[in-house]
Every structure is written in C-alpha cells, then in structure tokens.
C-alpha atoms as a PDB file:
ATOM      1  CA  MET A   1       8.701  34.836   9.562  1.00  0.00           C
ATOM      2  CA  GLU A   2      10.155  31.735  11.465  1.00  0.00           C
ATOM      3  CA  ARG A   3       7.933  29.265   9.965  1.00  0.00           C
ATOM      4  CA  LYS A   4       8.575  30.550   6.512  1.00  0.00           C
ATOM      5  CA  ALA A   5      12.445  30.399   6.958  1.00  0.00           C
ATOM      6  CA  ILE A   6      11.835  26.942   8.158  1.00  0.00           C
ATOM      7  CA  PHE A   7       9.850  25.872   5.477  1.00  0.00           C
ATOM      8  CA  HIS A   8      12.411  27.304   2.996  1.00  0.00           C
ATOM      9  CA  PHE A   9      15.383  25.725   4.639  1.00  0.00           C
ATOM     10  CA  TYR A  10      13.525  22.196   4.752  1.00  0.00           C
ATOM     11  CA  LEU A  11      13.186  22.371   0.980  1.00  0.00           C
ATOM     12  CA  ALA A  12      16.585  23.418   0.401  1.00  0.00           C
ATOM     13  CA  HIS A  13      17.759  20.458   2.151  1.00  0.00           C
ATOM     14  CA  THR A  14      15.586  17.623   0.893  1.00  0.00           C
ATOM     15  CA  PRO A  15      18.635  15.452   0.152  1.00  0.00           C
ATOM     16  CA  TYR A  16      19.500  15.056   3.701  1.00  0.00           C
ATOM     17  CA  ILE A  17      15.902  14.181   4.505  1.00  0.00           C
ATOM     18  CA  ASN A  18      16.554  10.782   3.120  1.00  0.00           C
ATOM     19  CA  ASN A  19      14.339   8.121   4.941  1.00  0.00           C
ATOM     20  CA  TRP A  20      10.808   7.396   5.874  1.00  0.00           C
ATOM     21  CA  ASP A  21      10.829   8.266   9.354  1.00  0.00           C
ATOM     22  CA  LEU A  22      12.300  11.704   8.727  1.00  0.00           C
ATOM     23  CA  VAL A  23       9.799  12.585   6.046  1.00  0.00           C
ATOM     24  CA  ASP A  24       6.787  11.352   8.141  1.00  0.00           C
ATOM     25  CA  ALA A  25       7.767  13.183  11.065  1.00  0.00           C
ATOM     26  CA  SER A  26       8.291  16.081   9.423  1.00  0.00           C
ATOM     27  CA  ALA A  27       6.422  16.865   5.981  1.00  0.00           C
ATOM     28  CA  GLU A  28       3.025  17.289   7.464  1.00  0.00           C
ATOM     29  CA  GLU A  29       3.665  20.078   9.644  1.00  0.00           C
ATOM     30  CA  ILE A  30       6.617  21.752   7.811  1.00  0.00           C
ATOM     31  CA  ILE A  31       5.392  21.613   4.310  1.00  0.00           C
ATOM     32  CA  GLY A  32       1.827  20.823   4.889  1.00  0.00           C
ATOM     33  CA  GLY A  33       1.304  23.419   7.831  1.00  0.00           C
ATOM     34  CA  TRP A  34       2.905  26.039   5.546  1.00  0.00           C
ATOM     35  CA  LEU A  35       0.915  25.484   2.365  1.00  0.00           C
ATOM     36  CA  TYR A  36      -2.154  25.237   4.262  1.00  0.00           C
ATOM     37  CA  ALA A  37      -2.848  28.744   3.237  1.00  0.00           C
ATOM     38  CA  GLN A  38      -0.836  28.767  -0.004  1.00  0.00           C
ATOM     39  CA  ASP A  39      -1.072  27.686  -3.724  1.00  0.00           C
ATOM     40  CA  LEU A  40      -0.542  23.847  -3.658  1.00  0.00           C
ATOM     41  CA  THR A  41       1.303  23.838  -7.055  1.00  0.00           C
ATOM     42  CA  LEU A  42       4.527  22.906  -5.148  1.00  0.00           C
ATOM     43  CA  LEU A  43       2.950  19.548  -3.818  1.00  0.00           C
ATOM     44  CA  HIS A  44       2.242  18.788  -7.421  1.00  0.00           C
ATOM     45  CA  GLN A  45       5.831  19.551  -8.397  1.00  0.00           C
ATOM     46  CA  LEU A  46       7.346  17.372  -5.463  1.00  0.00           C
ATOM     47  CA  ALA A  47       5.048  14.587  -6.494  1.00  0.00           C
ATOM     48  CA  LYS A  48       6.655  14.628  -9.962  1.00  0.00           C
ATOM     49  CA  SER A  49      10.326  14.917  -8.608  1.00  0.00           C
ATOM     50  CA  LYS A  50      12.950  12.392  -9.447  1.00  0.00           C
ATOM     51  CA  ALA A  51      13.759  12.170  -5.747  1.00  0.00           C
ATOM     52  CA  LEU A  52      12.112   9.569  -3.880  1.00  0.00           C
ATOM     53  CA  TRP A  53      11.878  11.384  -0.674  1.00  0.00           C
ATOM     54  CA  GLU A  54      10.590  14.470  -2.382  1.00  0.00           C
ATOM     55  CA  ARG A  55       7.507  12.488  -3.863  1.00  0.00           C
ATOM     56  CA  ARG A  56       7.155  11.065  -0.489  1.00  0.00           C
ATOM     57  CA  ILE A  57       7.212  14.445   1.192  1.00  0.00           C
ATOM     58  CA  ALA A  58       4.448  15.443  -1.202  1.00  0.00           C
ATOM     59  CA  ILE A  59       1.817  12.866  -0.494  1.00  0.00           C
ATOM     60  CA  MET A  60       2.947  13.098   3.477  1.00  0.00           C
ATOM     61  CA  ALA A  61       2.196  16.520   3.486  1.00  0.00           C
ATOM     62  CA  THR A  62      -1.378  16.025   2.667  1.00  0.00           C
ATOM     63  CA  PHE A  63      -1.824  14.422   5.934  1.00  0.00           C
ATOM     64  CA  HIS A  64      -2.254  18.022   7.473  1.00  0.00           C
ATOM     65  CA  PHE A  65      -5.062  18.713   5.032  1.00  0.00           C
ATOM     66  CA  LEU A  66      -6.818  15.246   5.705  1.00  0.00           C
ATOM     67  CA  LYS A  67      -6.810  16.145   9.757  1.00  0.00           C
ATOM     68  CA  ARG A  68      -8.798  19.104   8.732  1.00  0.00           C
ATOM     69  CA  GLY A  69     -11.387  17.554   6.421  1.00  0.00           C
ATOM     70  CA  ILE A  70      -9.962  18.464   3.286  1.00  0.00           C
ATOM     71  CA  TRP A  71      -9.154  15.399   1.044  1.00  0.00           C
ATOM     72  CA  GLU A  72      -8.795  16.657  -2.552  1.00  0.00           C
ATOM     73  CA  PRO A  73      -5.088  16.991  -2.385  1.00  0.00           C
ATOM     74  CA  THR A  74      -4.518  13.480  -1.273  1.00  0.00           C
ATOM     75  CA  TYR A  75      -6.998  12.251  -3.972  1.00  0.00           C
ATOM     76  CA  GLN A  76      -4.889  14.284  -6.568  1.00  0.00           C
ATOM     77  CA  LEU A  77      -1.450  13.306  -5.305  1.00  0.00           C
ATOM     78  CA  SER A  78      -2.452   9.807  -5.398  1.00  0.00           C
ATOM     79  CA  GLU A  79      -3.450   9.763  -8.964  1.00  0.00           C
ATOM     80  CA  THR A  80      -0.165  11.537  -9.790  1.00  0.00           C
ATOM     81  CA  LEU A  81       1.639   8.566  -8.007  1.00  0.00           C
ATOM     82  CA  LEU A  82      -0.175   5.621  -9.399  1.00  0.00           C
ATOM     83  CA  THR A  83       2.729   4.643 -11.703  1.00  0.00           C
ATOM     84  CA  ASP A  84       5.472   5.598  -9.216  1.00  0.00           C
ATOM     85  CA  SER A  85       7.878   2.351  -9.119  1.00  0.00           C
ATOM     86  CA  ALA A  86       8.967   2.892  -5.468  1.00  0.00           C
ATOM     87  CA  PRO A  87       7.425   0.766  -2.797  1.00  0.00           C
ATOM     88  CA  LEU A  88       7.803   3.410  -0.282  1.00  0.00           C
ATOM     89  CA  ILE A  89       5.657   5.572  -2.258  1.00  0.00           C
ATOM     90  CA  HIS A  90       2.836   2.904  -2.686  1.00  0.00           C
ATOM     91  CA  LYS A  91       2.859   2.585   1.110  1.00  0.00           C
ATOM     92  CA  ALA A  92       2.707   6.245   1.755  1.00  0.00           C
ATOM     93  CA  SER A  93       0.153   6.949  -0.795  1.00  0.00           C
ATOM     94  CA  GLY A  94      -2.136   3.689   0.485  1.00  0.00           C
ATOM     95  CA  TRP A  95      -1.905   5.242   3.952  1.00  0.00           C
ATOM     96  CA  MET A  96      -3.135   8.573   2.993  1.00  0.00           C
ATOM     97  CA  LEU A  97      -5.810   7.008   0.852  1.00  0.00           C
ATOM     98  CA  ARG A  98      -6.887   4.977   3.800  1.00  0.00           C
ATOM     99  CA  GLU A  99      -6.980   7.977   5.935  1.00  0.00           C
ATOM    100  CA  MET A 100      -9.040  10.020   3.172  1.00  0.00           C
ATOM    101  CA  GLY A 101     -11.526   6.908   3.662  1.00  0.00           C
ATOM    102  CA  LYS A 102     -11.789   7.452   7.539  1.00  0.00           C
ATOM    103  CA  LEU A 103     -13.129  11.209   6.642  1.00  0.00           C
ATOM    104  CA  ASP A 104     -15.697   9.601   4.168  1.00  0.00           C
ATOM    105  CA  ALA A 105     -15.488   6.238   2.392  1.00  0.00           C
ATOM    106  CA  ARG A 106     -17.513   7.223  -0.500  1.00  0.00           C
ATOM    107  CA  TYR A 107     -14.368   9.502  -1.446  1.00  0.00           C
ATOM    108  CA  LEU A 108     -12.148   6.294  -1.097  1.00  0.00           C
ATOM    109  CA  ARG A 109     -14.436   4.150  -2.836  1.00  0.00           C
ATOM    110  CA  HIS A 110     -14.875   6.606  -5.768  1.00  0.00           C
ATOM    111  CA  PHE A 111     -10.799   6.344  -6.179  1.00  0.00           C
ATOM    112  CA  LEU A 112     -10.996   2.653  -5.920  1.00  0.00           C
ATOM    113  CA  GLU A 113     -13.768   2.780  -8.662  1.00  0.00           C
ATOM    114  CA  GLN A 114     -11.553   4.723 -11.004  1.00  0.00           C
ATOM    115  CA  HIS A 115      -7.987   3.302 -10.079  1.00  0.00           C
ATOM    116  CA  ALA A 116      -8.304  -0.089  -8.126  1.00  0.00           C
ATOM    117  CA  TYR A 117      -7.535  -1.998 -11.290  1.00  0.00           C
ATOM    118  CA  GLU A 118      -4.214  -0.110 -12.022  1.00  0.00           C
ATOM    119  CA  MET A 119      -2.995   0.319  -8.375  1.00  0.00           C
ATOM    120  CA  PRO A 120       0.182  -0.919  -7.256  1.00  0.00           C
ATOM    121  CA  ARG A 121      -0.782  -3.850  -4.980  1.00  0.00           C
ATOM    122  CA  THR A 122       0.712  -2.410  -1.801  1.00  0.00           C
ATOM    123  CA  MET A 123      -1.079   0.717  -2.418  1.00  0.00           C
ATOM    124  CA  LEU A 124      -4.315  -0.977  -2.879  1.00  0.00           C
ATOM    125  CA  ARG A 125      -4.020  -3.275   0.411  1.00  0.00           C
ATOM    126  CA  TYR A 126      -2.827  -0.268   2.391  1.00  0.00           C
ATOM    127  CA  ALA A 127      -5.921   1.890   1.249  1.00  0.00           C
ATOM    128  CA  ILE A 128      -8.323  -0.789   1.807  1.00  0.00           C
ATOM    129  CA  GLU A 129      -7.295  -2.134   4.998  1.00  0.00           C
ATOM    130  CA  ARG A 130     -10.130  -0.739   7.130  1.00  0.00           C
ATOM    131  CA  LEU A 131     -12.958  -1.679   4.912  1.00  0.00           C
ATOM    132  CA  PRO A 132     -15.166  -4.694   5.441  1.00  0.00           C
ATOM    133  CA  HIS A 133     -13.700  -8.003   4.657  1.00  0.00           C
ATOM    134  CA  GLU A 134     -16.096  -8.845   1.736  1.00  0.00           C
ATOM    135  CA  GLU A 135     -15.316  -5.245   0.287  1.00  0.00           C
ATOM    136  CA  ARG A 136     -11.507  -5.627   0.669  1.00  0.00           C
ATOM    137  CA  LYS A 137     -11.970  -9.332  -1.284  1.00  0.00           C
ATOM    138  CA  TYR A 138     -13.936  -7.454  -4.022  1.00  0.00           C
ATOM    139  CA  TRP A 139     -11.110  -4.709  -4.694  1.00  0.00           C
ATOM    140  CA  LEU A 140      -8.325  -7.148  -4.805  1.00  0.00           C
ATOM    141  CA  ALA A 141     -10.183  -9.135  -7.556  1.00  0.00           C
ATOM    142  CA  HIS A 142     -11.255  -5.878  -9.411  1.00  0.00           C
ATOM    143  CA  GLY A 143      -9.935  -5.925 -12.865  1.00  0.00           C
ATOM    144  CA  LYS A 144     -11.373  -2.969 -14.968  1.00  0.00           C
ATOM    145  CA  LYS A 145     -12.200   0.841 -14.125  1.00  0.00           C
ATOM    146  CA  THR A 146     -16.093   1.223 -13.041  1.00  0.00           C
ATOM    147  CA  ASN A 147     -18.220   3.838 -12.267  1.00  0.00           C
ATOM    148  CA  SER A 148     -20.212   1.914  -9.606  1.00  0.00           C
ATOM    149  CA  SER A 149     -19.541  -0.689  -7.023  1.00  0.00           C
ATOM    150  CA  PRO A 150     -21.822  -2.681  -4.756  1.00  0.00           C
ATOM    151  CA  PHE A 151     -20.281  -1.162  -1.662  1.00  0.00           C
ATOM    152  CA  ASN A 152     -20.623   2.408  -2.890  1.00  0.00           C
ATOM    153  CA  LEU A 153     -23.391   4.983  -2.003  1.00  0.00           C
ATOM    154  CA  PRO A 154     -24.722   7.747  -4.696  1.00  0.00           C
ATOM    155  CA  LEU A 155     -22.803  10.601  -4.914  1.00  0.00           C
ATOM    156  CA  THR A 156     -23.677  13.353  -6.997  1.00  0.00           C
ATOM    157  CA  GLN A 157     -20.237  14.637  -7.657  1.00  0.00           C
ATOM    158  CA  LYS A 158     -17.607  13.229 -10.063  1.00  0.00           C
ATOM    159  CA  ALA A 159     -14.547  11.307  -8.735  1.00  0.00           C
ATOM    160  CA  GLY A 160     -12.104  13.830  -7.283  1.00  0.00           C
ATOM    161  CA  GLN A 161     -14.868  16.442  -6.698  1.00  0.00           C
ATOM    162  CA  CYS A 162     -16.056  17.623  -3.388  1.00  0.00           C
ATOM    163  CA  PRO A 163     -19.499  18.306  -2.044  1.00  0.00           C
ATOM    164  CA  ALA A 164     -18.795  22.001  -2.253  1.00  0.00           C
ATOM    165  CA  PHE A 165     -15.918  24.434  -3.449  1.00  0.00           C
ATOM    166  CA  PHE A 166     -14.702  27.317  -1.793  1.00  0.00           C
ATOM    167  CA  ASN A 167     -11.960  29.829  -1.952  1.00  0.00           C
ATOM    168  CA  TYR A 168      -8.863  27.951  -0.340  1.00  0.00           C
ATOM    169  CA  LYS A 169      -7.381  31.204   1.216  1.00  0.00           C
ATOM    170  CA  THR A 170     -10.461  32.675   2.586  1.00  0.00           C
ATOM    171  CA  ALA A 171     -11.323  29.287   4.351  1.00  0.00           C
ATOM    172  CA  ALA A 172      -7.904  28.993   5.523  1.00  0.00           C
ATOM    173  CA  THR A 173      -7.928  32.376   7.334  1.00  0.00           C
ATOM    174  CA  GLN A 174     -11.439  31.904   8.631  1.00  0.00           C
ATOM    175  CA  SER A 175     -10.242  28.296   9.995  1.00  0.00           C
ATOM    176  CA  SER A 176      -8.195  30.046  12.671  1.00  0.00           C
ATOM    177  CA  GLU A 177     -11.761  31.007  14.185  1.00  0.00           C
ATOM    178  CA  LYS A 178     -13.351  27.874  13.948  1.00  0.00           C
ATOM    179  CA  THR A 179     -12.767  24.480  15.037  1.00  0.00           C
ATOM    180  CA  SER A 180     -13.431  23.009  11.568  1.00  0.00           C
ATOM    181  CA  LEU A 181     -13.886  24.176   8.006  1.00  0.00           C
ATOM    182  CA  SER A 182     -17.277  24.952   6.408  1.00  0.00           C
ATOM    183  CA  ALA A 183     -17.820  25.367   2.729  1.00  0.00           C
ATOM    184  CA  PRO A 184     -19.845  28.492   1.400  1.00  0.00           C
ATOM    185  CA  ALA A 185     -21.592  28.099  -1.930  1.00  0.00           C
ATOM    186  CA  GLY A 186     -19.643  28.743  -4.986  1.00  0.00           C
ATOM    187  CA  ARG A 187     -16.932  27.119  -7.049  1.00  0.00           C
ATOM    188  CA  SER A 188     -13.368  28.331  -7.780  1.00  0.00           C
ATOM    189  CA  THR A 189     -12.021  27.851 -11.204  1.00  0.00           C
ATOM    190  CA  ASN A 190      -8.481  27.359  -9.811  1.00  0.00           C
ATOM    191  CA  SER A 191      -7.731  23.771  -9.362  1.00  0.00           C
ATOM    192  CA  THR A 192      -4.655  24.749  -7.332  1.00  0.00           C
ATOM    193  CA  ILE A 193      -6.561  26.756  -4.769  1.00  0.00           C
ATOM    194  CA  ALA A 194     -10.107  25.145  -4.870  1.00  0.00           C
ATOM    195  CA  ILE A 195      -9.826  22.449  -1.902  1.00  0.00           C
ATOM    196  CA  GLY A 196     -12.886  20.165  -1.237  1.00  0.00           C
ATOM    197  CA  ALA A 197     -14.056  20.147   2.265  1.00  0.00           C
ATOM    198  CA  LEU A 198     -16.147  17.656   4.074  1.00  0.00           C
ATOM    199  CA  SER A 199     -18.860  18.289   6.594  1.00  0.00           C
ATOM    200  CA  PRO A 200     -17.128  18.787  10.043  1.00  0.00           C
ATOM    201  CA  GLY A 201     -16.600  15.602  11.979  1.00  0.00           C
ATOM    202  CA  ARG A 202     -14.386  14.283  14.838  1.00  0.00           C
ATOM    203  CA  LYS A 203     -10.716  13.947  14.172  1.00  0.00           C
ATOM    204  CA  PRO A 204      -9.625  10.795  12.690  1.00  0.00           C
ATOM    205  CA  HIS A 205      -7.791   8.379  14.672  1.00  0.00           C
ATOM    206  CA  LEU A 206      -4.280   8.042  13.338  1.00  0.00           C
ATOM    207  CA  ARG A 207      -2.753   4.745  13.598  1.00  0.00           C
ATOM    208  CA  ILE A 208       0.850   4.649  12.268  1.00  0.00           C
ATOM    209  CA  ARG A 209       1.224   2.076   9.539  1.00  0.00           C
ATOM    210  CA  ARG A 210       4.223   2.237   6.916  1.00  0.00           C
END
C-alpha cells in the first residue's frame, strides 16, 4: 500500500517535479517500478501530455523495464515522442534508445531504419553514441526510411516486435522468483500488456548522460 500511495502522490504532484534531475532520479523507480506489473496505458498518456516533465517522466520510466531486459515500452514511447519539440525530450529519448541498443543492437537498428531520417538530431546523436564510428556516420547521413542497413543482422520480427511475447502480469509475478525474465511461447493480443523480453543477459552498464 505504501508504494501505491507514493505512486499516486507522485502523479498528483507532477507540476512540482519540474527539472530533469528530479525526473531522472525518480521516474524509473516510482513510475516504472509500480507499472512493472500493471497496464502501461498510463505511460502512453503521459507521453502525450502537454506538460514537458510528464513526457520526460514517461520515457525515463522505461529505464526500469530496460534494466530487466524489456525493450518494447522504450521503442513505442520513442516513436510517440519523435515529433516532440523539446530538446530535453530528444535527449531523454535518445538516451533510452541507446540503453535499448545495449540490450541488443538489432532493436536499435530496426528503430533507426524506420525513423533515423525523421529523428531530431539530438535524439539521433544520443541514440547512436555507442555504435561504431562508420555506422554513426551512416545514420547521421541517412535520409530516408529503409527496411535494411549495411550494419543490421537479419531479424524475422517486424520493427517494434519482440522475439517472443508473453503475458506481462504473469511474467512480472514470475520474475520475483527468477533473476531474469523468460518468455514462454504464445502471443498476447493486448498491446498495452504484451511486452517483449530479450534473452537473459548481464545488467547493462548505466552511464548517466543528459
């Protein structure tokens, strides 16, 4: 109950969470941590908010999922925020995309194939920061949508999908008994609950960059 109360108190006072360091220090655990076993509709609503800091809260909350090998919330919200006009959102989205690429660079490359040509420059630069030099040059010069790049490995999944789908609430419950999430066969039809899981891997190294 205490965690739930903190979550609702936080949402009721977002006008006072009004700078990047407050958002970045809190959204991951308070919002992402609570929604880890919940419907993610709220994140999509926050990402469309008129309030800058609520939009940043939405994308930064996905850090909680990335640290547990779940990348699709980051992918989806970054798509929503592509047309955002605020540099602080460009930086946060690019940062989270870079962290997604640490889980598996193929998913980042799929995003870039679909959106590099329309990404705000700051978002793109943040997203590709850890890629090899020649690849960064390629994406910076990229001028149109493509279904493949010289740097990508084949994927049978469409961009934005995962190698397997699972019931999110079931997986979240099971995760308390395991060190990482595994994805049983099957596919959920609820896009707000079906979240992709990557193969278990080591926890990504987190380097703060705003």
